[in-house]
Each structure stands twice: as structure tokens, then as C-alpha cells.
Amino acid sequence: MSPLAVLTAIILGSAVAIGFGLCVVWFLAFWLREESRQLASELGRLPIYCALFIALSAIAGSALVGLYKKRSWRWWAQGAMWAMVAMLFAVSWRR
């Protein structure tokens, strides 16, 4: 197993865990929004982050499969994964 495959697997696992956690929080906050107006007002960007982390999970998963099976498109998938990581960093760093 190459170091790049290990790093890709770590990114995949982290993205899946964060994405799942954010989607559960979004579901619960959406479900309870009638009971708490403050909670409803804080839902703004949560769906965007859920979608971004789910997309990162899909891209990282395809990048990992490409690395393991030595597909010709594996470097394109790696580039897409790292671009998505950079985009998530830029979006979350922005206020």
C-alpha cells in the first residue's frame, strides 16, 4: 500500500464521518426547527457543508479505487480530490 493510498483512505474516512455527522445534525435541526427559532436561524450553511463533504467522500472513494486498481484516470481523480479539499478549506476559512 502506497503512502498516497493511505492518505487518500484517511481523507475518505474523515470525509464520510464528517459528512454523516453534519447530515444527522442537519436532519435533527430541521426536525426541531419549529421548537426553537434560534436553531432554525442557524441552519444557513449546514446543507452546503453536507453536500460538499458528501461530494468529497465520493471523489475520494473513486480516487482510492483508481489507486488500488491502477486505473489510467487515477491521477485525475487524485487532482479532483485535492482540489475539493482546497475548496473546502477556502469555503470554511471564509467568514
PDB file of N, CA and C in Angstrom:
ATOM      1  N   MET A   1       0.852  -1.168   0.000  1.00  0.00           N
ATOM      2  CA  MET A   1       0.000   0.000   0.000  1.00  0.00           C
ATOM      3  C   MET A   1       0.900   1.234   0.000  1.00  0.00           C
ATOM      4  N   SER A   2       0.656   2.090  -0.942  1.00  0.00           N
ATOM      5  CA  SER A   2       1.492   3.283  -1.072  1.00  0.00           C
ATOM      6  C   SER A   2       1.072   4.351  -0.058  1.00  0.00           C
ATOM      7  N   PRO A   3       1.975   5.264   0.256  1.00  0.00           N
ATOM      8  CA  PRO A   3       1.626   6.354   1.186  1.00  0.00           C
ATOM      9  C   PRO A   3       0.478   7.223   0.660  1.00  0.00           C
ATOM     10  N   LEU A   4       0.414   7.387  -0.663  1.00  0.00           N
ATOM     11  CA  LEU A   4      -0.678   8.173  -1.232  1.00  0.00           C
ATOM     12  C   LEU A   4      -2.025   7.475  -1.028  1.00  0.00           C
ATOM     13  N   ALA A   5      -2.036   6.159  -1.126  1.00  0.00           N
ATOM     14  CA  ALA A   5      -3.269   5.402  -0.887  1.00  0.00           C
ATOM     15  C   ALA A   5      -3.701   5.516   0.574  1.00  0.00           C
ATOM     16  N   VAL A   6      -2.745   5.487   1.484  1.00  0.00           N
ATOM     17  CA  VAL A   6      -3.066   5.636   2.906  1.00  0.00           C
ATOM     18  C   VAL A   6      -3.639   7.022   3.175  1.00  0.00           C
ATOM     19  N   LEU A   7      -3.024   8.047   2.623  1.00  0.00           N
ATOM     20  CA  LEU A   7      -3.516   9.412   2.804  1.00  0.00           C
ATOM     21  C   LEU A   7      -4.904   9.581   2.195  1.00  0.00           C
ATOM     22  N   THR A   8      -5.120   8.982   1.033  1.00  0.00           N
ATOM     23  CA  THR A   8      -6.431   9.050   0.396  1.00  0.00           C
ATOM     24  C   THR A   8      -7.479   8.327   1.240  1.00  0.00           C
ATOM     25  N   ALA A   9      -7.111   7.188   1.816  1.00  0.00           N
ATOM     26  CA  ALA A   9      -8.041   6.455   2.686  1.00  0.00           C
ATOM     27  C   ALA A   9      -8.369   7.254   3.944  1.00  0.00           C
ATOM     28  N   ILE A  10      -7.396   7.951   4.487  1.00  0.00           N
ATOM     29  CA  ILE A  10      -7.643   8.793   5.664  1.00  0.00           C
ATOM     30  C   ILE A  10      -8.599   9.931   5.312  1.00  0.00           C
ATOM     31  N   ILE A  11      -8.387  10.557   4.163  1.00  0.00           N
ATOM     32  CA  ILE A  11      -9.278  11.636   3.724  1.00  0.00           C
ATOM     33  C   ILE A  11     -10.680  11.088   3.482  1.00  0.00           C
ATOM     34  N   LEU A  12     -10.769   9.906   2.862  1.00  0.00           N
ATOM     35  CA  LEU A  12     -12.073   9.292   2.614  1.00  0.00           C
ATOM     36  C   LEU A  12     -12.800   9.012   3.923  1.00  0.00           C
ATOM     37  N   GLY A  13     -12.140   8.391   4.871  1.00  0.00           N
ATOM     38  CA  GLY A  13     -12.782   8.086   6.148  1.00  0.00           C
ATOM     39  C   GLY A  13     -13.204   9.330   6.907  1.00  0.00           C
ATOM     40  N   SER A  14     -12.365  10.330   6.891  1.00  0.00           N
ATOM     41  CA  SER A  14     -12.705  11.577   7.580  1.00  0.00           C
ATOM     42  C   SER A  14     -13.877  12.276   6.909  1.00  0.00           C
ATOM     43  N   ALA A  15     -13.881  12.305   5.582  1.00  0.00           N
ATOM     44  CA  ALA A  15     -14.968  12.968   4.856  1.00  0.00           C
ATOM     45  C   ALA A  15     -16.300  12.255   5.081  1.00  0.00           C
ATOM     46  N   VAL A  16     -16.275  10.926   5.087  1.00  0.00           N
ATOM     47  CA  VAL A  16     -17.511  10.173   5.332  1.00  0.00           C
ATOM     48  C   VAL A  16     -18.020  10.451   6.747  1.00  0.00           C
ATOM     49  N   ALA A  17     -17.129  10.419   7.733  1.00  0.00           N
ATOM     50  CA  ALA A  17     -17.540  10.647   9.119  1.00  0.00           C
ATOM     51  C   ALA A  17     -18.078  12.064   9.320  1.00  0.00           C
ATOM     52  N   ILE A  18     -17.382  13.055   8.787  1.00  0.00           N
ATOM     53  CA  ILE A  18     -17.828  14.444   8.940  1.00  0.00           C
ATOM     54  C   ILE A  18     -19.128  14.667   8.182  1.00  0.00           C
ATOM     55  N   GLY A  19     -19.202  14.160   6.966  1.00  0.00           N
ATOM     56  CA  GLY A  19     -20.418  14.318   6.165  1.00  0.00           C
ATOM     57  C   GLY A  19     -21.626  13.679   6.831  1.00  0.00           C
ATOM     58  N   PHE A  20     -21.446  12.458   7.358  1.00  0.00           N
ATOM     59  CA  PHE A  20     -22.544  11.790   8.053  1.00  0.00           C
ATOM     60  C   PHE A  20     -22.965  12.586   9.290  1.00  0.00           C
ATOM     61  N   GLY A  21     -21.994  13.031  10.059  1.00  0.00           N
ATOM     62  CA  GLY A  21     -22.310  13.805  11.258  1.00  0.00           C
ATOM     63  C   GLY A  21     -23.046  15.103  10.943  1.00  0.00           C
ATOM     64  N   LEU A  22     -22.605  15.810   9.916  1.00  0.00           N
ATOM     65  CA  LEU A  22     -23.270  17.056   9.534  1.00  0.00           C
ATOM     66  C   LEU A  22     -24.688  16.804   9.035  1.00  0.00           C
ATOM     67  N   CYS A  23     -24.867  15.729   8.268  1.00  0.00           N
ATOM     68  CA  CYS A  23     -26.207  15.421   7.763  1.00  0.00           C
ATOM     69  C   CYS A  23     -27.163  15.031   8.897  1.00  0.00           C
ATOM     70  N   VAL A  24     -26.666  14.332   9.899  1.00  0.00           N
ATOM     71  CA  VAL A  24     -27.505  13.991  11.054  1.00  0.00           C
ATOM     72  C   VAL A  24     -27.883  15.260  11.818  1.00  0.00           C
ATOM     73  N   VAL A  25     -26.918  16.145  12.020  1.00  0.00           N
ATOM     74  CA  VAL A  25     -27.215  17.411  12.706  1.00  0.00           C
ATOM     75  C   VAL A  25     -28.217  18.227  11.903  1.00  0.00           C
ATOM     76  N   TRP A  26     -28.051  18.257  10.577  1.00  0.00           N
ATOM     77  CA  TRP A  26     -28.984  18.996   9.714  1.00  0.00           C
ATOM     78  C   TRP A  26     -30.390  18.410   9.833  1.00  0.00           C
ATOM     79  N   PHE A  27     -30.488  17.073   9.798  1.00  0.00           N
ATOM     80  CA  PHE A  27     -31.792  16.433   9.923  1.00  0.00           C
ATOM     81  C   PHE A  27     -32.444  16.761  11.264  1.00  0.00           C
ATOM     82  N   LEU A  28     -31.689  16.644  12.337  1.00  0.00           N
ATOM     83  CA  LEU A  28     -32.252  16.928  13.665  1.00  0.00           C
ATOM     84  C   LEU A  28     -32.627  18.391  13.819  1.00  0.00           C
ATOM     85  N   ALA A  29     -31.788  19.278  13.310  1.00  0.00           N
ATOM     86  CA  ALA A  29     -32.102  20.704  13.404  1.00  0.00           C
ATOM     87  C   ALA A  29     -33.319  21.050  12.549  1.00  0.00           C
ATOM     88  N   PHE A  30     -33.421  20.422  11.381  1.00  0.00           N
ATOM     89  CA  PHE A  30     -34.591  20.651  10.532  1.00  0.00           C
ATOM     90  C   PHE A  30     -35.854  20.132  11.197  1.00  0.00           C
ATOM     91  N   TRP A  31     -35.741  18.995  11.854  1.00  0.00           N
ATOM     92  CA  TRP A  31     -36.872  18.374  12.528  1.00  0.00           C
ATOM     93  C   TRP A  31     -37.322  19.198  13.737  1.00  0.00           C
ATOM     94  N   LEU A  32     -36.379  19.815  14.437  1.00  0.00           N
ATOM     95  CA  LEU A  32     -36.684  20.566  15.661  1.00  0.00           C
ATOM     96  C   LEU A  32     -36.794  22.072  15.441  1.00  0.00           C
ATOM     97  N   ARG A  33     -36.783  22.523  14.204  1.00  0.00           N
ATOM     98  CA  ARG A  33     -36.758  23.965  13.941  1.00  0.00           C
ATOM     99  C   ARG A  33     -38.004  24.680  14.437  1.00  0.00           C
ATOM    100  N   GLU A  34     -39.128  23.991  14.501  1.00  0.00           N
ATOM    101  CA  GLU A  34     -40.357  24.619  14.993  1.00  0.00           C
ATOM    102  C   GLU A  34     -40.290  24.897  16.481  1.00  0.00           C
ATOM    103  N   GLU A  35     -39.549  24.096  17.209  1.00  0.00           N
ATOM    104  CA  GLU A  35     -39.472  24.249  18.661  1.00  0.00           C
ATOM    105  C   GLU A  35     -38.476  25.320  19.085  1.00  0.00           C
ATOM    106  N   SER A  36     -37.526  25.624  18.233  1.00  0.00           N
ATOM    107  CA  SER A  36     -36.512  26.603  18.596  1.00  0.00           C
ATOM    108  C   SER A  36     -36.230  27.515  17.411  1.00  0.00           C
ATOM    109  N   ARG A  37     -36.599  28.750  17.526  1.00  0.00           N
ATOM    110  CA  ARG A  37     -36.370  29.703  16.433  1.00  0.00           C
ATOM    111  C   ARG A  37     -34.883  30.006  16.256  1.00  0.00           C
ATOM    112  N   GLN A  38     -34.136  29.992  17.346  1.00  0.00           N
ATOM    113  CA  GLN A  38     -32.694  30.236  17.254  1.00  0.00           C
ATOM    114  C   GLN A  38     -32.026  29.119  16.454  1.00  0.00           C
ATOM    115  N   LEU A  39     -32.426  27.904  16.689  1.00  0.00           N
ATOM    116  CA  LEU A  39     -31.881  26.773  15.952  1.00  0.00           C
ATOM    117  C   LEU A  39     -32.210  26.884  14.467  1.00  0.00           C
ATOM    118  N   ALA A  40     -33.410  27.297  14.155  1.00  0.00           N
ATOM    119  CA  ALA A  40     -33.815  27.465  12.756  1.00  0.00           C
ATOM    120  C   ALA A  40     -33.003  28.546  12.069  1.00  0.00           C
ATOM    121  N   SER A  41     -32.623  29.581  12.789  1.00  0.00           N
ATOM    122  CA  SER A  41     -31.857  30.665  12.189  1.00  0.00           C
ATOM    123  C   SER A  41     -30.402  30.289  11.931  1.00  0.00           C
ATOM    124  N   GLU A  42     -29.924  29.230  12.576  1.00  0.00           N
ATOM    125  CA  GLU A  42     -28.534  28.831  12.419  1.00  0.00           C
ATOM    126  C   GLU A  42     -28.331  27.718  11.390  1.00  0.00           C
ATOM    127  N   LEU A  43     -29.361  27.373  10.647  1.00  0.00           N
ATOM    128  CA  LEU A  43     -29.266  26.308   9.653  1.00  0.00           C
ATOM    129  C   LEU A  43     -28.629  26.757   8.346  1.00  0.00           C
ATOM    130  N   GLY A  44     -28.378  28.015   8.169  1.00  0.00           N
ATOM    131  CA  GLY A  44     -27.942  28.609   6.925  1.00  0.00           C
ATOM    132  C   GLY A  44     -27.027  27.807   6.021  1.00  0.00           C
ATOM    133  N   ARG A  45     -25.802  27.571   6.430  1.00  0.00           N
ATOM    134  CA  ARG A  45     -24.816  26.947   5.554  1.00  0.00           C
ATOM    135  C   ARG A  45     -24.669  25.446   5.781  1.00  0.00           C
ATOM    136  N   LEU A  46     -25.389  24.888   6.711  1.00  0.00           N
ATOM    137  CA  LEU A  46     -25.247  23.467   7.027  1.00  0.00           C
ATOM    138  C   LEU A  46     -25.542  22.554   5.835  1.00  0.00           C
ATOM    139  N   PRO A  47     -26.590  22.786   5.041  1.00  0.00           N
ATOM    140  CA  PRO A  47     -26.814  21.926   3.878  1.00  0.00           C
ATOM    141  C   PRO A  47     -25.683  22.005   2.853  1.00  0.00           C
ATOM    142  N   ILE A  48     -25.071  23.162   2.734  1.00  0.00           N
ATOM    143  CA  ILE A  48     -23.953  23.319   1.796  1.00  0.00           C
ATOM    144  C   ILE A  48     -22.772  22.470   2.244  1.00  0.00           C
ATOM    145  N   TYR A  49     -22.468  22.514   3.534  1.00  0.00           N
ATOM    146  CA  TYR A  49     -21.359  21.705   4.044  1.00  0.00           C
ATOM    147  C   TYR A  49     -21.654  20.211   3.936  1.00  0.00           C
ATOM    148  N   CYS A  50     -22.907  19.827   4.160  1.00  0.00           N
ATOM    149  CA  CYS A  50     -23.276  18.414   3.985  1.00  0.00           C
ATOM    150  C   CYS A  50     -23.005  17.969   2.551  1.00  0.00           C
ATOM    151  N   ALA A  51     -23.449  18.757   1.595  1.00  0.00           N
ATOM    152  CA  ALA A  51     -23.256  18.417   0.188  1.00  0.00           C
ATOM    153  C   ALA A  51     -21.774  18.380  -0.182  1.00  0.00           C
ATOM    154  N   LEU A  52     -21.000  19.318   0.317  1.00  0.00           N
ATOM    155  CA  LEU A  52     -19.575  19.350  -0.008  1.00  0.00           C
ATOM    156  C   LEU A  52     -18.833  18.145   0.554  1.00  0.00           C
ATOM    157  N   PHE A  53     -19.155  17.752   1.775  1.00  0.00           N
ATOM    158  CA  PHE A  53     -18.471  16.598   2.349  1.00  0.00           C
ATOM    159  C   PHE A  53     -18.933  15.286   1.720  1.00  0.00           C
ATOM    160  N   ILE A  54     -20.186  15.209   1.298  1.00  0.00           N
ATOM    161  CA  ILE A  54     -20.633  14.019   0.570  1.00  0.00           C
ATOM    162  C   ILE A  54     -19.933  13.944  -0.788  1.00  0.00           C
ATOM    163  N   ALA A  55     -19.779  15.087  -1.446  1.00  0.00           N
ATOM    164  CA  ALA A  55     -19.061  15.108  -2.724  1.00  0.00           C
ATOM    165  C   ALA A  55     -17.597  14.717  -2.528  1.00  0.00           C
ATOM    166  N   LEU A  56     -16.963  15.228  -1.473  1.00  0.00           N
ATOM    167  CA  LEU A  56     -15.580  14.847  -1.195  1.00  0.00           C
ATOM    168  C   LEU A  56     -15.473  13.355  -0.929  1.00  0.00           C
ATOM    169  N   SER A  57     -16.451  12.783  -0.242  1.00  0.00           N
ATOM    170  CA  SER A  57     -16.447  11.343   0.011  1.00  0.00           C
ATOM    171  C   SER A  57     -16.499  10.555  -1.293  1.00  0.00           C
ATOM    172  N   ALA A  58     -17.354  10.967  -2.194  1.00  0.00           N
ATOM    173  CA  ALA A  58     -17.469  10.272  -3.478  1.00  0.00           C
ATOM    174  C   ALA A  58     -16.192  10.397  -4.305  1.00  0.00           C
ATOM    175  N   ILE A  59     -15.623  11.588  -4.337  1.00  0.00           N
ATOM    176  CA  ILE A  59     -14.402  11.806  -5.107  1.00  0.00           C
ATOM    177  C   ILE A  59     -13.234  11.044  -4.498  1.00  0.00           C
ATOM    178  N   ALA A  60     -13.101  11.091  -3.178  1.00  0.00           N
ATOM    179  CA  ALA A  60     -12.008  10.371  -2.518  1.00  0.00           C
ATOM    180  C   ALA A  60     -12.183   8.863  -2.679  1.00  0.00           C
ATOM    181  N   GLY A  61     -13.405   8.386  -2.655  1.00  0.00           N
ATOM    182  CA  GLY A  61     -13.657   6.962  -2.881  1.00  0.00           C
ATOM    183  C   GLY A  61     -13.240   6.531  -4.272  1.00  0.00           C
ATOM    184  N   SER A  62     -13.574   7.339  -5.263  1.00  0.00           N
ATOM    185  CA  SER A  62     -13.159   6.995  -6.619  1.00  0.00           C
ATOM    186  C   SER A  62     -11.640   7.107  -6.777  1.00  0.00           C
ATOM    187  N   ALA A  63     -11.029   8.062  -6.110  1.00  0.00           N
ATOM    188  CA  ALA A  63      -9.573   8.196  -6.173  1.00  0.00           C
ATOM    189  C   ALA A  63      -8.891   6.984  -5.538  1.00  0.00           C
ATOM    190  N   LEU A  64      -9.449   6.482  -4.448  1.00  0.00           N
ATOM    191  CA  LEU A  64      -8.876   5.311  -3.790  1.00  0.00           C
ATOM    192  C   LEU A  64      -9.032   4.059  -4.657  1.00  0.00           C
ATOM    193  N   VAL A  65     -10.186   3.900  -5.266  1.00  0.00           N
ATOM    194  CA  VAL A  65     -10.390   2.761  -6.176  1.00  0.00           C
ATOM    195  C   VAL A  65      -9.428   2.852  -7.350  1.00  0.00           C
ATOM    196  N   GLY A  66      -9.273   4.045  -7.903  1.00  0.00           N
ATOM    197  CA  GLY A  66      -8.341   4.228  -9.011  1.00  0.00           C
ATOM    198  C   GLY A  66      -6.908   3.892  -8.639  1.00  0.00           C
ATOM    199  N   LEU A  67      -6.513   4.250  -7.424  1.00  0.00           N
ATOM    200  CA  LEU A  67      -5.158   3.927  -6.976  1.00  0.00           C
ATOM    201  C   LEU A  67      -4.975   2.428  -6.781  1.00  0.00           C
ATOM    202  N   TYR A  68      -5.940   1.779  -6.156  1.00  0.00           N
ATOM    203  CA  TYR A  68      -5.819   0.343  -5.890  1.00  0.00           C
ATOM    204  C   TYR A  68      -5.829  -0.487  -7.167  1.00  0.00           C
ATOM    205  N   LYS A  69      -6.654  -0.092  -8.128  1.00  0.00           N
ATOM    206  CA  LYS A  69      -6.765  -0.870  -9.357  1.00  0.00           C
ATOM    207  C   LYS A  69      -5.851  -0.366 -10.468  1.00  0.00           C
ATOM    208  N   LYS A  70      -5.048   0.653 -10.140  1.00  0.00           N
ATOM    209  CA  LYS A  70      -4.097   1.247 -11.076  1.00  0.00           C
ATOM    210  C   LYS A  70      -4.751   1.625 -12.413  1.00  0.00           C
ATOM    211  N   ARG A  71      -5.856   2.328 -12.308  1.00  0.00           N
ATOM    212  CA  ARG A  71      -6.580   2.795 -13.494  1.00  0.00           C
ATOM    213  C   ARG A  71      -5.865   3.983 -14.106  1.00  0.00           C
ATOM    214  N   SER A  72      -6.099   4.204 -15.370  1.00  0.00           N
ATOM    215  CA  SER A  72      -5.429   5.305 -16.065  1.00  0.00           C
ATOM    216  C   SER A  72      -5.914   6.675 -15.588  1.00  0.00           C
ATOM    217  N   TRP A  73      -7.116   6.737 -15.053  1.00  0.00           N
ATOM    218  CA  TRP A  73      -7.694   8.014 -14.612  1.00  0.00           C
ATOM    219  C   TRP A  73      -7.402   8.329 -13.151  1.00  0.00           C
ATOM    220  N   ARG A  74      -6.571   7.529 -12.501  1.00  0.00           N
ATOM    221  CA  ARG A  74      -6.351   7.714 -11.063  1.00  0.00           C
ATOM    222  C   ARG A  74      -5.752   9.065 -10.719  1.00  0.00           C
ATOM    223  N   TRP A  75      -4.916   9.612 -11.596  1.00  0.00           N
ATOM    224  CA  TRP A  75      -4.299  10.914 -11.294  1.00  0.00           C
ATOM    225  C   TRP A  75      -5.302  12.046 -11.450  1.00  0.00           C
ATOM    226  N   TRP A  76      -6.259  11.887 -12.361  1.00  0.00           N
ATOM    227  CA  TRP A  76      -7.320  12.885 -12.482  1.00  0.00           C
ATOM    228  C   TRP A  76      -8.194  12.872 -11.222  1.00  0.00           C
ATOM    229  N   ALA A  77      -8.460  11.682 -10.729  1.00  0.00           N
ATOM    230  CA  ALA A  77      -9.261  11.574  -9.508  1.00  0.00           C
ATOM    231  C   ALA A  77      -8.507  12.148  -8.306  1.00  0.00           C
ATOM    232  N   GLN A  78      -7.205  11.906  -8.243  1.00  0.00           N
ATOM    233  CA  GLN A  78      -6.399  12.494  -7.159  1.00  0.00           C
ATOM    234  C   GLN A  78      -6.417  14.020  -7.238  1.00  0.00           C
ATOM    235  N   GLY A  79      -6.272  14.548  -8.447  1.00  0.00           N
ATOM    236  CA  GLY A  79      -6.324  16.002  -8.625  1.00  0.00           C
ATOM    237  C   GLY A  79      -7.661  16.579  -8.207  1.00  0.00           C
ATOM    238  N   ALA A  80      -8.746  15.866  -8.566  1.00  0.00           N
ATOM    239  CA  ALA A  80     -10.082  16.329  -8.174  1.00  0.00           C
ATOM    240  C   ALA A  80     -10.247  16.285  -6.657  1.00  0.00           C
ATOM    241  N   MET A  81      -9.706  15.240  -6.032  1.00  0.00           N
ATOM    242  CA  MET A  81      -9.815  15.136  -4.577  1.00  0.00           C
ATOM    243  C   MET A  81      -9.077  16.282  -3.893  1.00  0.00           C
ATOM    244  N   TRP A  82      -7.856  16.552  -4.329  1.00  0.00           N
ATOM    245  CA  TRP A  82      -7.092  17.618  -3.695  1.00  0.00           C
ATOM    246  C   TRP A  82      -7.689  18.989  -3.992  1.00  0.00           C
ATOM    247  N   ALA A  83      -8.279  19.165  -5.168  1.00  0.00           N
ATOM    248  CA  ALA A  83      -8.973  20.425  -5.473  1.00  0.00           C
ATOM    249  C   ALA A  83     -10.184  20.601  -4.565  1.00  0.00           C
ATOM    250  N   MET A  84     -10.891  19.496  -4.307  1.00  0.00           N
ATOM    251  CA  MET A  84     -12.053  19.560  -3.419  1.00  0.00           C
ATOM    252  C   MET A  84     -11.630  19.863  -1.978  1.00  0.00           C
ATOM    253  N   VAL A  85     -10.523  19.272  -1.542  1.00  0.00           N
ATOM    254  CA  VAL A  85     -10.008  19.573  -0.204  1.00  0.00           C
ATOM    255  C   VAL A  85      -9.646  21.063  -0.112  1.00  0.00           C
ATOM    256  N   ALA A  86      -8.991  21.594  -1.138  1.00  0.00           N
ATOM    257  CA  ALA A  86      -8.628  23.013  -1.148  1.00  0.00           C
ATOM    258  C   ALA A  86      -9.869  23.900  -1.157  1.00  0.00           C
ATOM    259  N   MET A  87     -10.901  23.496  -1.923  1.00  0.00           N
ATOM    260  CA  MET A  87     -12.128  24.277  -1.974  1.00  0.00           C
ATOM    261  C   MET A  87     -12.832  24.263  -0.619  1.00  0.00           C
ATOM    262  N   LEU A  88     -12.881  23.104   0.034  1.00  0.00           N
ATOM    263  CA  LEU A  88     -13.487  23.030   1.355  1.00  0.00           C
ATOM    264  C   LEU A  88     -12.731  23.896   2.359  1.00  0.00           C
ATOM    265  N   PHE A  89     -11.424  23.901   2.262  1.00  0.00           N
ATOM    266  CA  PHE A  89     -10.621  24.751   3.150  1.00  0.00           C
ATOM    267  C   PHE A  89     -10.957  26.222   2.904  1.00  0.00           C
ATOM    268  N   ALA A  90     -11.042  26.611   1.630  1.00  0.00           N
ATOM    269  CA  ALA A  90     -11.316  28.002   1.304  1.00  0.00           C
ATOM    270  C   ALA A  90     -12.726  28.408   1.748  1.00  0.00           C
ATOM    271  N   VAL A  91     -13.697  27.528   1.542  1.00  0.00           N
ATOM    272  CA  VAL A  91     -15.070  27.839   1.922  1.00  0.00           C
ATOM    273  C   VAL A  91     -15.212  27.929   3.442  1.00  0.00           C
ATOM    274  N   SER A  92     -14.572  27.013   4.155  1.00  0.00           N
ATOM    275  CA  SER A  92     -14.721  27.025   5.609  1.00  0.00           C
ATOM    276  C   SER A  92     -13.878  28.117   6.267  1.00  0.00           C
ATOM    277  N   TRP A  93     -12.815  28.546   5.621  1.00  0.00           N
ATOM    278  CA  TRP A  93     -11.983  29.595   6.180  1.00  0.00           C
ATOM    279  C   TRP A  93     -12.644  30.959   6.038  1.00  0.00           C
ATOM    280  N   ARG A  94     -13.455  31.107   4.974  1.00  0.00           N
ATOM    281  CA  ARG A  94     -14.157  32.343   4.705  1.00  0.00           C
ATOM    282  C   ARG A  94     -15.226  32.575   5.763  1.00  0.00           C
ATOM    283  N   ARG A  95     -15.413  33.807   6.151  1.00  0.00           N
ATOM    284  CA  ARG A  95     -16.407  34.113   7.191  1.00  0.00           C
ATOM    285  C   ARG A  95     -17.713  34.457   6.586  1.00  0.00           C
TER     286      ARG A  95
END
